[in-house]
Amino acid sequence: MARLFKIAFSISIIVFYTSCASLTKTQLKGINSYAQVLEKFSDYPGTIVKGFVQLKYETGQLNTGTIVNNAIVTESLWKSYYGKDKALKEAEKLDLSIQIIGEYAAALAKLSSTDLSDSIQSGSLRLGSNMSQLITEYNAVSNDKISINIGALVAKSIAFFGTRYTKNKQAKDLKAFIHAGDPLVTQITESIKKDLEKVVLEKWIPGLKDELKTRHQNFLSNMPPKAEYRVYLANSYNKEVAEIIARIDHLEKITAKTIAAVDHIRKAHKELLVCIQQKKKLKEVLVETQAFYVSVRGIYKEAKM
């Protein structure tokens, strides 16, 4: 996160000294700051999915330690495995959305680099093809198709890097890229927000809490009759359940903060588009980028707790 602190400092300085008459080095840093925060954001929705899948598996395995029938234990293990697989399948569109926004952020960071000579790095030429492939996969599982061929635009722009790429060409490509990317950012962020709300907050987490409660009640009501063994086993089991409850609550908080950050992605990008189209001052977009940074920093702090 030290890198994000540097981005935040750059944003606060740029707010006071920038206008959009042309894409100066300072303005490129402003665009690049947004891209870097967006890249960092793209780490968290995937972490939410992985966190849920692990909790789902652990919840499914809670009672197996007290079962002496090997067949039942084996069945429970496979049931937990298929539960993880089902959850990952339900999150397929969300996962693709996250990858697309991450690729978009990486391309924007590359195109807004203030050092044109650093652009030919390992993997940079794959950005366009990666995005095109991800969009194809997204369209295969989503009812809301993405019609923007932004991958070709990325590949075409980055192909010039390291040759005779000029500041004017960079400005032209950035404007075209941000213009083409705005409806993509709007659609993908809306998809991420909707899936986090509908799948994670409204379906997964309540379902996991219900499953945990049911398993807890069943375990306590079916413990062996010996009093001393019951007390020890109940205390140990209650501790495991309490730990999982705390992690579920933690996951719920991270999800809510991630959803709140999504709106800043969209607003900052739209302000960026207006700025480069109408030559307005960059102050508005940097204020939104600062708000976006603060929201991502909030997710990071929550994730570390």
C-alpha atoms as a PDB file:
ATOM      1  CA  MET A   1       0.000   0.000   0.000  1.00  0.00           C
ATOM      2  CA  ALA A   2       3.043   2.358   0.132  1.00  0.00           C
ATOM      3  CA  ARG A   3       2.531   2.842  -3.587  1.00  0.00           C
ATOM      4  CA  LEU A   4      -1.038   3.996  -2.968  1.00  0.00           C
ATOM      5  CA  PHE A   5       0.165   6.566  -0.434  1.00  0.00           C
ATOM      6  CA  LYS A   6       2.436   8.033  -3.131  1.00  0.00           C
ATOM      7  CA  ILE A   7      -0.527   8.142  -5.533  1.00  0.00           C
ATOM      8  CA  ALA A   8      -2.639   9.978  -2.960  1.00  0.00           C
ATOM      9  CA  PHE A   9       0.113  12.587  -2.468  1.00  0.00           C
ATOM     10  CA  SER A  10       0.420  13.057  -6.251  1.00  0.00           C
ATOM     11  CA  ILE A  11      -3.337  13.561  -6.545  1.00  0.00           C
ATOM     12  CA  SER A  12      -3.402  16.254  -3.867  1.00  0.00           C
ATOM     13  CA  ILE A  13      -0.590  18.187  -5.598  1.00  0.00           C
ATOM     14  CA  ILE A  14      -2.061  17.868  -9.099  1.00  0.00           C
ATOM     15  CA  VAL A  15      -5.452  19.259  -8.009  1.00  0.00           C
ATOM     16  CA  PHE A  16      -3.974  22.735  -7.564  1.00  0.00           C
ATOM     17  CA  TYR A  17      -1.811  22.995 -10.663  1.00  0.00           C
ATOM     18  CA  THR A  18      -3.579  21.332 -13.549  1.00  0.00           C
ATOM     19  CA  SER A  19      -5.839  22.308 -16.415  1.00  0.00           C
ATOM     20  CA  CYS A  20      -6.857  20.319 -19.472  1.00  0.00           C
ATOM     21  CA  ALA A  21      -5.660  22.614 -22.250  1.00  0.00           C
ATOM     22  CA  SER A  22      -3.287  19.803 -23.234  1.00  0.00           C
ATOM     23  CA  LEU A  23      -2.025  16.544 -21.844  1.00  0.00           C
ATOM     24  CA  THR A  24       0.974  17.790 -19.906  1.00  0.00           C
ATOM     25  CA  LYS A  25       3.260  15.540 -17.901  1.00  0.00           C
ATOM     26  CA  THR A  26       1.355  16.531 -14.766  1.00  0.00           C
ATOM     27  CA  GLN A  27      -1.973  15.676 -16.367  1.00  0.00           C
ATOM     28  CA  LEU A  28      -0.649  12.317 -17.508  1.00  0.00           C
ATOM     29  CA  LYS A  29       0.285  11.634 -13.899  1.00  0.00           C
ATOM     30  CA  GLY A  30      -3.292  12.440 -12.901  1.00  0.00           C
ATOM     31  CA  ILE A  31      -4.699   9.938 -15.404  1.00  0.00           C
ATOM     32  CA  ASN A  32      -2.042   7.433 -14.394  1.00  0.00           C
ATOM     33  CA  SER A  33      -2.957   7.845 -10.701  1.00  0.00           C
ATOM     34  CA  TYR A  34      -6.564   6.928 -11.488  1.00  0.00           C
ATOM     35  CA  ALA A  35      -5.379   3.881 -13.449  1.00  0.00           C
ATOM     36  CA  GLN A  36      -3.145   2.699 -10.593  1.00  0.00           C
ATOM     37  CA  VAL A  37      -5.903   3.012  -7.980  1.00  0.00           C
ATOM     38  CA  LEU A  38      -8.251   1.155 -10.351  1.00  0.00           C
ATOM     39  CA  GLU A  39      -5.694  -1.638 -10.697  1.00  0.00           C
ATOM     40  CA  LYS A  40      -5.458  -1.902  -6.908  1.00  0.00           C
ATOM     41  CA  PHE A  41      -9.252  -1.971  -6.582  1.00  0.00           C
ATOM     42  CA  SER A  42      -9.468  -4.921  -8.976  1.00  0.00           C
ATOM     43  CA  ASP A  43      -7.699  -7.092  -6.362  1.00  0.00           C
ATOM     44  CA  TYR A  44     -10.537  -6.943  -3.844  1.00  0.00           C
ATOM     45  CA  PRO A  45     -13.708  -8.320  -5.502  1.00  0.00           C
ATOM     46  CA  GLY A  46     -11.813 -11.506  -6.325  1.00  0.00           C
ATOM     47  CA  THR A  47     -10.643 -11.732  -2.714  1.00  0.00           C
ATOM     48  CA  ILE A  48     -14.285 -11.601  -1.627  1.00  0.00           C
ATOM     49  CA  VAL A  49     -15.169 -14.573  -3.840  1.00  0.00           C
ATOM     50  CA  LYS A  50     -12.176 -16.599  -2.610  1.00  0.00           C
ATOM     51  CA  GLY A  51     -13.014 -15.707   0.991  1.00  0.00           C
ATOM     52  CA  PHE A  52     -16.587 -16.896   0.632  1.00  0.00           C
ATOM     53  CA  VAL A  53     -15.615 -20.138  -1.096  1.00  0.00           C
ATOM     54  CA  GLN A  54     -13.189 -20.966   1.728  1.00  0.00           C
ATOM     55  CA  LEU A  55     -15.801 -20.161   4.395  1.00  0.00           C
ATOM     56  CA  LYS A  56     -18.357 -22.263   2.555  1.00  0.00           C
ATOM     57  CA  TYR A  57     -15.969 -25.199   2.537  1.00  0.00           C
ATOM     58  CA  GLU A  58     -15.040 -24.839   6.221  1.00  0.00           C
ATOM     59  CA  THR A  59     -18.690 -24.571   7.231  1.00  0.00           C
ATOM     60  CA  GLY A  60     -19.464 -27.721   5.298  1.00  0.00           C
ATOM     61  CA  GLN A  61     -16.699 -29.577   7.149  1.00  0.00           C
ATOM     62  CA  LEU A  62     -17.600 -28.396  10.658  1.00  0.00           C
ATOM     63  CA  ASN A  63     -19.351 -31.544  11.844  1.00  0.00           C
ATOM     64  CA  THR A  64     -17.216 -34.179  10.137  1.00  0.00           C
ATOM     65  CA  GLY A  65     -14.777 -34.511  13.045  1.00  0.00           C
ATOM     66  CA  THR A  66     -17.459 -36.145  15.174  1.00  0.00           C
ATOM     67  CA  ILE A  67     -18.705 -38.591  12.543  1.00  0.00           C
ATOM     68  CA  VAL A  68     -17.363 -42.141  12.801  1.00  0.00           C
ATOM     69  CA  ASN A  69     -18.964 -43.398   9.587  1.00  0.00           C
ATOM     70  CA  ASN A  70     -16.303 -43.076   6.861  1.00  0.00           C
ATOM     71  CA  ALA A  71     -18.870 -43.164   4.078  1.00  0.00           C
ATOM     72  CA  ILE A  72     -20.700 -40.168   5.537  1.00  0.00           C
ATOM     73  CA  VAL A  73     -17.432 -38.271   6.020  1.00  0.00           C
ATOM     74  CA  THR A  74     -16.420 -38.944   2.409  1.00  0.00           C
ATOM     75  CA  GLU A  75     -19.825 -37.847   1.166  1.00  0.00           C
ATOM     76  CA  SER A  76     -19.533 -34.635   3.193  1.00  0.00           C
ATOM     77  CA  LEU A  77     -16.093 -33.906   1.729  1.00  0.00           C
ATOM     78  CA  TRP A  78     -17.341 -34.275  -1.830  1.00  0.00           C
ATOM     79  CA  LYS A  79     -20.444 -32.245  -1.063  1.00  0.00           C
ATOM     80  CA  SER A  80     -18.237 -29.415   0.204  1.00  0.00           C
ATOM     81  CA  TYR A  81     -16.083 -29.680  -2.903  1.00  0.00           C
ATOM     82  CA  TYR A  82     -19.075 -29.459  -5.217  1.00  0.00           C
ATOM     83  CA  GLY A  83     -20.362 -26.539  -3.149  1.00  0.00           C
ATOM     84  CA  LYS A  84     -17.130 -24.661  -3.848  1.00  0.00           C
ATOM     85  CA  ASP A  85     -17.383 -25.512  -7.531  1.00  0.00           C
ATOM     86  CA  LYS A  86     -20.995 -24.282  -7.652  1.00  0.00           C
ATOM     87  CA  ALA A  87     -20.069 -21.007  -5.968  1.00  0.00           C
ATOM     88  CA  LEU A  88     -17.229 -20.398  -8.429  1.00  0.00           C
ATOM     89  CA  LYS A  89     -19.616 -21.097 -11.305  1.00  0.00           C
ATOM     90  CA  GLU A  90     -22.115 -18.578  -9.905  1.00  0.00           C
ATOM     91  CA  ALA A  91     -19.304 -16.025  -9.667  1.00  0.00           C
ATOM     92  CA  GLU A  92     -18.018 -16.607 -13.218  1.00  0.00           C
ATOM     93  CA  LYS A  93     -19.470 -13.375 -14.624  1.00  0.00           C
ATOM     94  CA  LEU A  94     -18.248 -11.414 -11.608  1.00  0.00           C
ATOM     95  CA  ASP A  95     -14.774 -12.881 -12.021  1.00  0.00           C
ATOM     96  CA  LEU A  96     -14.683 -11.931 -15.716  1.00  0.00           C
ATOM     97  CA  SER A  97     -15.908  -8.413 -14.887  1.00  0.00           C
ATOM     98  CA  ILE A  98     -13.075  -8.013 -12.395  1.00  0.00           C
ATOM     99  CA  GLN A  99     -10.505  -9.248 -14.909  1.00  0.00           C
ATOM    100  CA  ILE A 100     -11.806  -6.857 -17.592  1.00  0.00           C
ATOM    101  CA  ILE A 101     -11.621  -3.818 -15.293  1.00  0.00           C
ATOM    102  CA  GLY A 102      -8.124  -4.909 -14.252  1.00  0.00           C
ATOM    103  CA  GLU A 103      -7.003  -5.178 -17.876  1.00  0.00           C
ATOM    104  CA  TYR A 104      -8.556  -1.806 -18.665  1.00  0.00           C
ATOM    105  CA  ALA A 105      -6.685  -0.239 -15.739  1.00  0.00           C
ATOM    106  CA  ALA A 106      -3.403  -1.834 -16.852  1.00  0.00           C
ATOM    107  CA  ALA A 107      -3.849  -0.538 -20.402  1.00  0.00           C
ATOM    108  CA  LEU A 108      -4.757   2.964 -19.181  1.00  0.00           C
ATOM    109  CA  ALA A 109      -1.679   2.979 -16.936  1.00  0.00           C
ATOM    110  CA  LYS A 110       0.474   1.933 -19.875  1.00  0.00           C
ATOM    111  CA  LEU A 111      -0.983   4.522 -22.254  1.00  0.00           C
ATOM    112  CA  SER A 112      -0.666   7.335 -19.699  1.00  0.00           C
ATOM    113  CA  SER A 113       2.941   6.585 -18.824  1.00  0.00           C
ATOM    114  CA  THR A 114       5.080   9.738 -18.666  1.00  0.00           C
ATOM    115  CA  ASP A 115       8.055   7.688 -19.854  1.00  0.00           C
ATOM    116  CA  LEU A 116       7.314   6.471 -23.370  1.00  0.00           C
ATOM    117  CA  SER A 117      10.446   4.347 -23.391  1.00  0.00           C
ATOM    118  CA  ASP A 118       9.158   2.089 -20.588  1.00  0.00           C
ATOM    119  CA  SER A 119       6.186   0.924 -22.593  1.00  0.00           C
ATOM    120  CA  ILE A 120       7.668  -2.151 -24.224  1.00  0.00           C
ATOM    121  CA  GLN A 121       7.775  -4.396 -21.192  1.00  0.00           C
ATOM    122  CA  SER A 122       7.062  -8.083 -20.898  1.00  0.00           C
ATOM    123  CA  GLY A 123       3.404  -8.773 -21.587  1.00  0.00           C
ATOM    124  CA  SER A 124       2.395  -5.242 -22.633  1.00  0.00           C
ATOM    125  CA  LEU A 125       1.515  -6.281 -26.173  1.00  0.00           C
ATOM    126  CA  ARG A 126      -0.808  -8.963 -24.795  1.00  0.00           C
ATOM    127  CA  LEU A 127      -3.106  -6.405 -23.157  1.00  0.00           C
ATOM    128  CA  GLY A 128      -5.332  -5.901 -26.189  1.00  0.00           C
ATOM    129  CA  SER A 129      -5.731  -9.602 -26.971  1.00  0.00           C
ATOM    130  CA  ASN A 130      -6.328 -10.404 -23.300  1.00  0.00           C
ATOM    131  CA  MET A 131      -9.128  -7.861 -23.087  1.00  0.00           C
ATOM    132  CA  SER A 132     -10.734  -9.061 -26.317  1.00  0.00           C
ATOM    133  CA  GLN A 133     -10.694 -12.658 -25.062  1.00  0.00           C
ATOM    134  CA  LEU A 134     -12.144 -11.689 -21.678  1.00  0.00           C
ATOM    135  CA  ILE A 135     -14.941  -9.725 -23.338  1.00  0.00           C
ATOM    136  CA  THR A 136     -15.742 -12.730 -25.555  1.00  0.00           C
ATOM    137  CA  GLU A 137     -15.933 -14.964 -22.468  1.00  0.00           C
ATOM    138  CA  TYR A 138     -18.025 -12.383 -20.615  1.00  0.00           C
ATOM    139  CA  ASN A 139     -20.519 -12.156 -23.477  1.00  0.00           C
ATOM    140  CA  ALA A 140     -20.872 -15.944 -23.417  1.00  0.00           C
ATOM    141  CA  VAL A 141     -22.170 -15.928 -19.815  1.00  0.00           C
ATOM    142  CA  SER A 142     -23.925 -12.544 -19.608  1.00  0.00           C
ATOM    143  CA  ASN A 143     -27.259 -11.339 -20.954  1.00  0.00           C
ATOM    144  CA  ASP A 144     -25.841  -7.808 -21.198  1.00  0.00           C
ATOM    145  CA  LYS A 145     -23.368  -8.082 -24.051  1.00  0.00           C
ATOM    146  CA  ILE A 146     -20.334  -5.822 -24.404  1.00  0.00           C
ATOM    147  CA  SER A 147     -20.229  -4.482 -27.955  1.00  0.00           C
ATOM    148  CA  ILE A 148     -17.090  -2.339 -27.637  1.00  0.00           C
ATOM    149  CA  ASN A 149     -14.018  -3.690 -29.441  1.00  0.00           C
ATOM    150  CA  ILE A 150     -11.667  -1.856 -27.091  1.00  0.00           C
ATOM    151  CA  GLY A 151      -9.110  -4.648 -27.155  1.00  0.00           C
ATOM    152  CA  ALA A 152      -8.208  -3.808 -30.760  1.00  0.00           C
ATOM    153  CA  LEU A 153      -7.799  -0.148 -29.792  1.00  0.00           C
ATOM    154  CA  VAL A 154      -5.457  -1.085 -26.957  1.00  0.00           C
ATOM    155  CA  ALA A 155      -3.332  -3.329 -29.159  1.00  0.00           C
ATOM    156  CA  LYS A 156      -3.114  -0.689 -31.894  1.00  0.00           C
ATOM    157  CA  SER A 157      -2.093   2.071 -29.487  1.00  0.00           C
ATOM    158  CA  ILE A 158       0.462   0.047 -27.521  1.00  0.00           C
ATOM    159  CA  ALA A 159       2.005  -1.253 -30.731  1.00  0.00           C
ATOM    160  CA  PHE A 160       3.361   2.254 -31.351  1.00  0.00           C
ATOM    161  CA  PHE A 161       5.144   2.362 -28.008  1.00  0.00           C
ATOM    162  CA  GLY A 162       8.886   2.065 -28.230  1.00  0.00           C
ATOM    163  CA  THR A 163       8.954   3.178 -31.877  1.00  0.00           C
ATOM    164  CA  ARG A 164       8.398   6.830 -32.841  1.00  0.00           C
ATOM    165  CA  TYR A 165       5.610   7.458 -30.395  1.00  0.00           C
ATOM    166  CA  THR A 166       5.094  11.194 -29.847  1.00  0.00           C
ATOM    167  CA  LYS A 167       3.375  13.183 -27.117  1.00  0.00           C
ATOM    168  CA  ASN A 168       0.691  14.260 -29.587  1.00  0.00           C
ATOM    169  CA  LYS A 169       0.073  10.653 -30.628  1.00  0.00           C
ATOM    170  CA  GLN A 170      -0.088   9.636 -26.982  1.00  0.00           C
ATOM    171  CA  ALA A 171      -2.652  12.367 -26.234  1.00  0.00           C
ATOM    172  CA  LYS A 172      -4.734  11.369 -29.254  1.00  0.00           C
ATOM    173  CA  ASP A 173      -4.696   7.681 -28.316  1.00  0.00           C
ATOM    174  CA  LEU A 174      -5.510   8.405 -24.689  1.00  0.00           C
ATOM    175  CA  LYS A 175      -8.504  10.511 -25.649  1.00  0.00           C
ATOM    176  CA  ALA A 176      -9.767   7.796 -28.006  1.00  0.00           C
ATOM    177  CA  PHE A 177      -9.165   5.096 -25.413  1.00  0.00           C
ATOM    178  CA  ILE A 178     -10.921   6.912 -22.551  1.00  0.00           C
ATOM    179  CA  HIS A 179     -13.833   7.847 -24.849  1.00  0.00           C
ATOM    180  CA  ALA A 180     -14.241   4.226 -26.009  1.00  0.00           C
ATOM    181  CA  GLY A 181     -13.697   2.924 -22.485  1.00  0.00           C
ATOM    182  CA  ASP A 182     -16.305   5.045 -20.717  1.00  0.00           C
ATOM    183  CA  PRO A 183     -19.356   2.913 -21.665  1.00  0.00           C
ATOM    184  CA  LEU A 184     -17.282  -0.196 -20.889  1.00  0.00           C
ATOM    185  CA  VAL A 185     -16.379   1.125 -17.432  1.00  0.00           C
ATOM    186  CA  THR A 186     -20.031   2.054 -16.805  1.00  0.00           C
ATOM    187  CA  GLN A 187     -21.301  -1.371 -17.850  1.00  0.00           C
ATOM    188  CA  ILE A 188     -18.638  -3.418 -16.076  1.00  0.00           C
ATOM    189  CA  THR A 189     -18.777  -1.491 -12.804  1.00  0.00           C
ATOM    190  CA  GLU A 190     -22.561  -1.809 -12.795  1.00  0.00           C
ATOM    191  CA  SER A 191     -22.157  -5.551 -13.365  1.00  0.00           C
ATOM    192  CA  ILE A 192     -19.647  -5.849 -10.507  1.00  0.00           C
ATOM    193  CA  LYS A 193     -21.875  -3.848  -8.177  1.00  0.00           C
ATOM    194  CA  LYS A 194     -24.978  -5.856  -9.081  1.00  0.00           C
ATOM    195  CA  ASP A 195     -23.242  -9.216  -8.632  1.00  0.00           C
ATOM    196  CA  LEU A 196     -21.717  -8.212  -5.297  1.00  0.00           C
ATOM    197  CA  GLU A 197     -25.137  -7.082  -4.085  1.00  0.00           C
ATOM    198  CA  LYS A 198     -27.298  -9.861  -5.524  1.00  0.00           C
ATOM    199  CA  VAL A 199     -24.927 -12.829  -5.320  1.00  0.00           C
ATOM    200  CA  VAL A 200     -22.727 -12.068  -2.315  1.00  0.00           C
ATOM    201  CA  LEU A 201     -24.788  -9.873   0.032  1.00  0.00           C
ATOM    202  CA  GLU A 202     -28.283 -11.126  -0.728  1.00  0.00           C
ATOM    203  CA  LYS A 203     -27.637 -14.812  -1.494  1.00  0.00           C
ATOM    204  CA  TRP A 204     -24.259 -16.157  -0.410  1.00  0.00           C
ATOM    205  CA  ILE A 205     -23.800 -14.557   3.000  1.00  0.00           C
ATOM    206  CA  PRO A 206     -27.391 -15.071   4.287  1.00  0.00           C
ATOM    207  CA  GLY A 207     -27.281 -18.665   2.990  1.00  0.00           C
ATOM    208  CA  LEU A 208     -23.964 -19.289   4.705  1.00  0.00           C
ATOM    209  CA  LYS A 209     -25.264 -17.898   8.003  1.00  0.00           C
ATOM    210  CA  ASP A 210     -28.340 -20.142   7.794  1.00  0.00           C
ATOM    211  CA  GLU A 211     -26.214 -23.203   7.023  1.00  0.00           C
ATOM    212  CA  LEU A 212     -23.871 -22.436   9.907  1.00  0.00           C
ATOM    213  CA  LYS A 213     -26.769 -21.959  12.316  1.00  0.00           C
ATOM    214  CA  THR A 214     -28.401 -25.230  11.227  1.00  0.00           C
ATOM    215  CA  ARG A 215     -25.147 -27.191  11.557  1.00  0.00           C
ATOM    216  CA  HIS A 216     -24.492 -25.649  14.959  1.00  0.00           C
ATOM    217  CA  GLN A 217     -27.938 -26.572  16.267  1.00  0.00           C
ATOM    218  CA  ASN A 218     -27.763 -30.088  14.820  1.00  0.00           C
ATOM    219  CA  PHE A 219     -24.351 -30.692  16.348  1.00  0.00           C
ATOM    220  CA  LEU A 220     -25.320 -29.550  19.828  1.00  0.00           C
ATOM    221  CA  SER A 221     -28.501 -31.616  19.808  1.00  0.00           C
ATOM    222  CA  ASN A 222     -26.731 -34.778  18.607  1.00  0.00           C
ATOM    223  CA  MET A 223     -23.633 -34.834  20.822  1.00  0.00           C
ATOM    224  CA  PRO A 224     -22.656 -37.991  22.745  1.00  0.00           C
ATOM    225  CA  PRO A 225     -24.465 -38.343  26.101  1.00  0.00           C
ATOM    226  CA  LYS A 226     -21.389 -38.278  28.406  1.00  0.00           C
ATOM    227  CA  ALA A 227     -21.558 -34.985  30.338  1.00  0.00           C
ATOM    228  CA  GLU A 228     -17.811 -34.277  30.628  1.00  0.00           C
ATOM    229  CA  TYR A 229     -17.280 -35.008  26.923  1.00  0.00           C
ATOM    230  CA  ARG A 230     -20.256 -32.865  25.938  1.00  0.00           C
ATOM    231  CA  VAL A 231     -18.929 -29.794  27.747  1.00  0.00           C
ATOM    232  CA  TYR A 232     -15.458 -30.080  26.207  1.00  0.00           C
ATOM    233  CA  LEU A 233     -16.792 -30.772  22.726  1.00  0.00           C
ATOM    234  CA  ALA A 234     -19.414 -28.024  22.886  1.00  0.00           C
ATOM    235  CA  ASN A 235     -16.871 -25.421  23.989  1.00  0.00           C
ATOM    236  CA  SER A 236     -14.444 -26.398  21.255  1.00  0.00           C
ATOM    237  CA  TYR A 237     -17.155 -26.409  18.614  1.00  0.00           C
ATOM    238  CA  ASN A 238     -18.643 -23.096  19.756  1.00  0.00           C
ATOM    239  CA  LYS A 239     -15.217 -21.514  19.426  1.00  0.00           C
ATOM    240  CA  GLU A 240     -14.934 -22.690  15.798  1.00  0.00           C
ATOM    241  CA  VAL A 241     -18.427 -21.410  15.015  1.00  0.00           C
ATOM    242  CA  ALA A 242     -17.701 -18.031  16.630  1.00  0.00           C
ATOM    243  CA  GLU A 243     -14.551 -17.682  14.513  1.00  0.00           C
ATOM    244  CA  ILE A 244     -16.441 -18.414  11.300  1.00  0.00           C
ATOM    245  CA  ILE A 245     -19.202 -15.951  12.264  1.00  0.00           C
ATOM    246  CA  ALA A 246     -16.565 -13.238  12.775  1.00  0.00           C
ATOM    247  CA  ARG A 247     -15.033 -13.981   9.363  1.00  0.00           C
ATOM    248  CA  ILE A 248     -18.445 -13.891   7.685  1.00  0.00           C
ATOM    249  CA  ASP A 249     -19.139 -10.487   9.251  1.00  0.00           C
ATOM    250  CA  HIS A 250     -15.709  -9.311   8.107  1.00  0.00           C
ATOM    251  CA  LEU A 251     -16.403 -10.487   4.567  1.00  0.00           C
ATOM    252  CA  GLU A 252     -19.752  -8.691   4.624  1.00  0.00           C
ATOM    253  CA  LYS A 253     -18.068  -5.408   5.614  1.00  0.00           C
ATOM    254  CA  ILE A 254     -15.416  -5.709   2.887  1.00  0.00           C
ATOM    255  CA  THR A 255     -18.133  -6.407   0.320  1.00  0.00           C
ATOM    256  CA  ALA A 256     -20.124  -3.320   1.372  1.00  0.00           C
ATOM    257  CA  LYS A 257     -17.005  -1.122   1.154  1.00  0.00           C
ATOM    258  CA  THR A 258     -16.128  -2.560  -2.252  1.00  0.00           C
ATOM    259  CA  ILE A 259     -19.636  -1.807  -3.554  1.00  0.00           C
ATOM    260  CA  ALA A 260     -19.335   1.776  -2.274  1.00  0.00           C
ATOM    261  CA  ALA A 261     -16.012   2.173  -4.113  1.00  0.00           C
ATOM    262  CA  VAL A 262     -17.574   1.145  -7.435  1.00  0.00           C
ATOM    263  CA  ASP A 263     -19.493   4.414  -7.740  1.00  0.00           C
ATOM    264  CA  HIS A 264     -16.242   6.384  -7.456  1.00  0.00           C
ATOM    265  CA  ILE A 265     -14.754   4.387 -10.354  1.00  0.00           C
ATOM    266  CA  ARG A 266     -17.585   5.435 -12.631  1.00  0.00           C
ATOM    267  CA  LYS A 267     -17.770   9.066 -11.496  1.00  0.00           C
ATOM    268  CA  ALA A 268     -14.018   9.660 -11.745  1.00  0.00           C
ATOM    269  CA  HIS A 269     -13.869   8.112 -15.207  1.00  0.00           C
ATOM    270  CA  LYS A 270     -16.770  10.230 -16.476  1.00  0.00           C
ATOM    271  CA  GLU A 271     -15.116  13.376 -15.105  1.00  0.00           C
ATOM    272  CA  LEU A 272     -11.910  12.309 -16.833  1.00  0.00           C
ATOM    273  CA  LEU A 273     -13.771  11.955 -20.119  1.00  0.00           C
ATOM    274  CA  VAL A 274     -15.396  15.403 -19.786  1.00  0.00           C
ATOM    275  CA  CYS A 275     -12.030  16.888 -18.921  1.00  0.00           C
ATOM    276  CA  ILE A 276     -10.202  15.651 -22.011  1.00  0.00           C
ATOM    277  CA  GLN A 277     -13.158  16.374 -24.324  1.00  0.00           C
ATOM    278  CA  GLN A 278     -13.990  19.886 -23.144  1.00  0.00           C
ATOM    279  CA  LYS A 279     -10.557  20.988 -21.889  1.00  0.00           C
ATOM    280  CA  LYS A 280     -11.970  21.613 -18.426  1.00  0.00           C
ATOM    281  CA  LYS A 281      -9.847  21.798 -15.329  1.00  0.00           C
ATOM    282  CA  LEU A 282      -8.759  18.451 -13.979  1.00  0.00           C
ATOM    283  CA  LYS A 283      -9.679  19.368 -10.391  1.00  0.00           C
ATOM    284  CA  GLU A 284     -13.060  17.583 -10.499  1.00  0.00           C
ATOM    285  CA  VAL A 285     -11.691  14.255 -11.699  1.00  0.00           C
ATOM    286  CA  LEU A 286      -8.849  14.355  -9.205  1.00  0.00           C
ATOM    287  CA  VAL A 287     -11.270  15.024  -6.360  1.00  0.00           C
ATOM    288  CA  GLU A 288     -13.208  11.927  -7.447  1.00  0.00           C
ATOM    289  CA  THR A 289      -9.965   9.972  -7.807  1.00  0.00           C
ATOM    290  CA  GLN A 290      -9.027  11.058  -4.298  1.00  0.00           C
ATOM    291  CA  ALA A 291     -12.428   9.837  -3.054  1.00  0.00           C
ATOM    292  CA  PHE A 292     -11.870   6.582  -4.947  1.00  0.00           C
ATOM    293  CA  TYR A 293      -8.431   6.236  -3.354  1.00  0.00           C
ATOM    294  CA  VAL A 294      -9.906   6.804   0.124  1.00  0.00           C
ATOM    295  CA  SER A 295     -12.543   4.122  -0.508  1.00  0.00           C
ATOM    296  CA  VAL A 296      -9.921   1.609  -1.715  1.00  0.00           C
ATOM    297  CA  ARG A 297      -7.757   2.456   1.273  1.00  0.00           C
ATOM    298  CA  GLY A 298     -10.810   1.709   3.455  1.00  0.00           C
ATOM    299  CA  ILE A 299     -11.168  -1.722   1.853  1.00  0.00           C
ATOM    300  CA  TYR A 300      -7.476  -2.415   2.429  1.00  0.00           C
ATOM    301  CA  LYS A 301      -7.681  -1.455   6.107  1.00  0.00           C
ATOM    302  CA  GLU A 302     -10.770  -3.600   6.594  1.00  0.00           C
ATOM    303  CA  ALA A 303      -9.120  -6.548   4.822  1.00  0.00           C
ATOM    304  CA  LYS A 304      -6.106  -6.320   7.147  1.00  0.00           C
ATOM    305  CA  MET A 305      -8.193  -6.364  10.333  1.00  0.00           C
END
